Amino acid sequence: MAKINKRETIVLGADHAGFKVKEFVKKELLKMNYPVKDIGVYHSFPKVDYPDYAEKVAIAVKMNNRSKGILACGTGIGASIAANKIPGIRAALVRDAEEAKLSKEHNNANILVLGGRPFNRRKTKIILVEWLKSKFKGGRHERRIKKISRLESKYSGGK
């Protein structure tokens, strides 16, 4: 098993539909002695909007390259779309361990996105551990990441 870097702070965020996933992931990370920064939500009610939490997590990750993020919303789709609007963020919606591994190895994902419906603790833990232990492979994948960065710059007016 690959070594997990426990010095990285993991920034967590979720909307009301992803609250249970976030809380479960937080407990698992704390068991593994990860530094955790939880930006909310702190309750499953009232309903809130996932873009607000996706933005907070994405900005925190962007501002500190020693951090990674984990987001959850109902399906994970909305949170991943919102987080990926922030230049430099590569938020990957992941459904299984293989996708978790490849999101890091090939795409250097700095935010893991999980769906809250349905929520399977065992599967979520497997995904989490795989994502944390996987490392970016570089090489041909580095070239592709640079192309993504150029697209961000090209279509955001260089912002």
Protein backbone atom coordinates (compact mmCIF):
# COMPACT_ATOMS: atom_id res chain seq x y z
CA MET A 1 0.00 0.00 0.00
CA ALA A 2 1.30 3.43 -0.95
CA LYS A 3 2.15 5.89 1.80
CA ILE A 4 -0.48 8.52 2.57
CA ASN A 5 0.70 12.11 3.08
CA LYS A 6 -0.87 13.06 6.40
CA ARG A 7 0.60 16.56 6.41
CA GLU A 8 -1.88 17.75 3.78
CA THR A 9 -4.85 19.56 5.24
CA ILE A 10 -8.12 18.23 3.88
CA VAL A 11 -10.77 20.91 3.41
CA LEU A 12 -14.30 19.54 3.63
CA GLY A 13 -17.56 20.99 2.41
CA ALA A 14 -21.06 19.82 1.58
CA ASP A 15 -24.59 20.95 1.05
CA HIS A 16 -27.48 19.49 3.06
CA ALA A 17 -27.68 16.39 0.81
CA GLY A 18 -23.98 15.66 1.24
CA PHE A 19 -23.86 16.36 4.98
CA LYS A 20 -23.85 12.69 6.07
CA VAL A 21 -21.05 11.85 3.62
CA LYS A 22 -18.98 14.82 4.83
CA GLU A 23 -19.43 13.87 8.46
CA PHE A 24 -18.47 10.25 7.76
CA VAL A 25 -15.41 11.32 5.74
CA LYS A 26 -14.39 13.75 8.50
CA LYS A 27 -14.48 10.97 11.11
CA GLU A 28 -12.43 8.68 8.87
CA LEU A 29 -9.84 11.40 8.18
CA LEU A 30 -9.50 12.19 11.87
CA LYS A 31 -9.00 8.47 12.62
CA MET A 32 -6.14 8.59 10.08
CA ASN A 33 -4.69 11.68 11.84
CA TYR A 34 -5.29 14.07 8.96
CA PRO A 35 -5.59 17.78 9.65
CA VAL A 36 -9.17 18.67 8.66
CA LYS A 37 -10.78 22.03 7.96
CA ASP A 38 -14.57 21.73 7.83
CA ILE A 39 -16.22 24.72 6.13
CA GLY A 40 -19.77 23.40 6.48
CA VAL A 41 -22.59 22.66 6.39
CA TYR A 42 -22.92 21.66 9.99
CA HIS A 43 -26.49 20.33 9.83
CA SER A 44 -28.60 18.59 7.19
CA PHE A 45 -31.32 21.23 7.54
CA PRO A 46 -32.10 23.83 6.27
CA LYS A 47 -31.41 23.23 2.60
CA VAL A 48 -28.48 25.19 1.19
CA ASP A 49 -26.92 25.70 -2.23
CA TYR A 50 -23.94 23.51 -3.20
CA PRO A 51 -22.14 26.22 -5.25
CA ASP A 52 -21.54 28.21 -2.06
CA TYR A 53 -19.66 25.34 -0.41
CA ALA A 54 -17.92 24.24 -3.61
CA GLU A 55 -16.54 27.75 -3.96
CA LYS A 56 -15.33 27.88 -0.35
CA VAL A 57 -13.53 24.54 -0.62
CA ALA A 58 -12.07 25.34 -4.05
CA ILE A 59 -10.74 28.73 -2.91
CA ALA A 60 -9.21 27.19 0.23
CA VAL A 61 -7.46 24.52 -1.88
CA LYS A 62 -6.32 27.08 -4.46
CA MET A 63 -4.86 29.35 -1.75
CA ASN A 64 -2.92 26.54 -0.05
CA ASN A 65 -1.20 24.05 -2.36
CA ARG A 66 -0.52 21.84 0.69
CA SER A 67 -4.23 21.15 0.97
CA LYS A 68 -6.73 18.96 -0.83
CA GLY A 69 -10.49 19.16 -0.78
CA ILE A 70 -13.44 16.83 -0.49
CA LEU A 71 -16.93 17.93 -1.46
CA ALA A 72 -20.30 16.22 -1.32
CA CYS A 73 -23.74 17.10 -2.61
CA GLY A 74 -26.76 15.02 -3.63
CA THR A 75 -25.23 13.55 -6.77
CA GLY A 76 -21.80 15.18 -6.67
CA ILE A 77 -22.41 16.58 -10.14
CA GLY A 78 -23.31 20.12 -9.13
CA ALA A 79 -20.47 20.46 -6.64
CA SER A 80 -17.93 19.21 -9.18
CA ILE A 81 -19.19 21.62 -11.86
CA ALA A 82 -19.11 24.56 -9.44
CA ALA A 83 -15.65 23.76 -8.01
CA ASN A 84 -14.18 23.37 -11.50
CA LYS A 85 -15.09 26.99 -12.29
CA ILE A 86 -12.20 28.08 -10.06
CA PRO A 87 -8.94 28.18 -12.08
CA GLY A 88 -6.41 25.65 -10.85
CA ILE A 89 -9.03 23.33 -9.42
CA ARG A 90 -9.40 19.81 -10.74
CA ALA A 91 -12.45 18.45 -8.93
CA ALA A 92 -13.22 14.84 -9.81
CA LEU A 93 -16.60 13.26 -9.24
CA VAL A 94 -15.69 9.72 -8.23
CA ARG A 95 -17.95 6.67 -8.00
CA ASP A 96 -15.47 3.86 -7.26
CA ALA A 97 -11.90 3.10 -6.19
CA GLU A 98 -10.56 2.86 -9.76
CA GLU A 99 -11.88 6.33 -10.59
CA ALA A 100 -10.39 7.63 -7.34
CA LYS A 101 -6.98 6.23 -8.26
CA LEU A 102 -7.08 7.49 -11.84
CA SER A 103 -8.36 10.93 -10.84
CA LYS A 104 -5.10 11.41 -8.94
CA GLU A 105 -2.69 9.46 -11.16
CA HIS A 106 -3.86 10.92 -14.48
CA ASN A 107 -5.66 14.17 -13.62
CA ASN A 108 -3.91 15.26 -10.41
CA ALA A 109 -7.33 15.94 -8.89
CA ASN A 110 -7.03 18.27 -5.95
CA ILE A 111 -10.68 17.90 -4.92
CA LEU A 112 -12.54 14.62 -4.52
CA VAL A 113 -16.29 14.93 -5.07
CA LEU A 114 -18.74 12.38 -3.70
CA GLY A 115 -22.47 11.97 -4.09
CA GLY A 116 -24.66 11.81 -1.00
CA ARG A 117 -27.45 9.78 -2.60
CA PRO A 118 -27.10 6.90 -2.27
CA PHE A 119 -24.55 6.84 0.55
CA ASN A 120 -22.63 3.64 1.19
CA ARG A 121 -20.12 3.89 4.06
CA ARG A 122 -17.99 0.93 2.98
CA LYS A 123 -17.71 2.14 -0.61
CA THR A 124 -17.04 5.71 0.50
CA LYS A 125 -14.19 4.60 2.77
CA ILE A 126 -12.61 2.54 -0.03
CA ILE A 127 -12.82 5.52 -2.39
CA LEU A 128 -11.37 7.86 0.24
CA VAL A 129 -8.38 5.66 1.06
CA GLU A 130 -7.62 5.03 -2.62
CA TRP A 131 -7.77 8.75 -3.42
CA LEU A 132 -5.55 9.69 -0.49
CA LYS A 133 -2.86 7.13 -1.27
CA SER A 134 -2.75 7.67 -5.05
CA LYS A 135 -0.12 9.98 -6.51
CA PHE A 136 0.09 11.97 -9.73
CA LYS A 137 2.16 10.10 -12.33
CA GLY A 138 3.32 13.12 -14.34
CA GLY A 139 4.77 12.35 -17.77
CA ARG A 140 2.17 12.48 -20.53
CA HIS A 141 -0.39 13.38 -17.88
CA GLU A 142 1.56 16.53 -16.95
CA ARG A 143 1.29 17.69 -20.56
CA ARG A 144 -2.48 17.25 -20.39
CA ILE A 145 -2.79 19.13 -17.09
CA LYS A 146 -0.87 22.03 -18.65
CA LYS A 147 -3.34 22.02 -21.55
CA ILE A 148 -6.21 22.25 -19.07
CA SER A 149 -4.47 25.23 -17.42
CA ARG A 150 -4.10 26.90 -20.80
CA LEU A 151 -7.81 26.41 -21.46
CA GLU A 152 -8.63 28.01 -18.11
CA SER A 153 -6.44 30.97 -18.93
CA LYS A 154 -7.71 31.28 -22.51
CA TYR A 155 -11.38 31.31 -21.60
CA SER A 156 -11.26 33.19 -18.32
CA GLY A 157 -9.46 36.20 -19.75
CA GLY A 158 -6.21 35.20 -18.01
CA LYS A 159 -7.79 35.57 -14.58
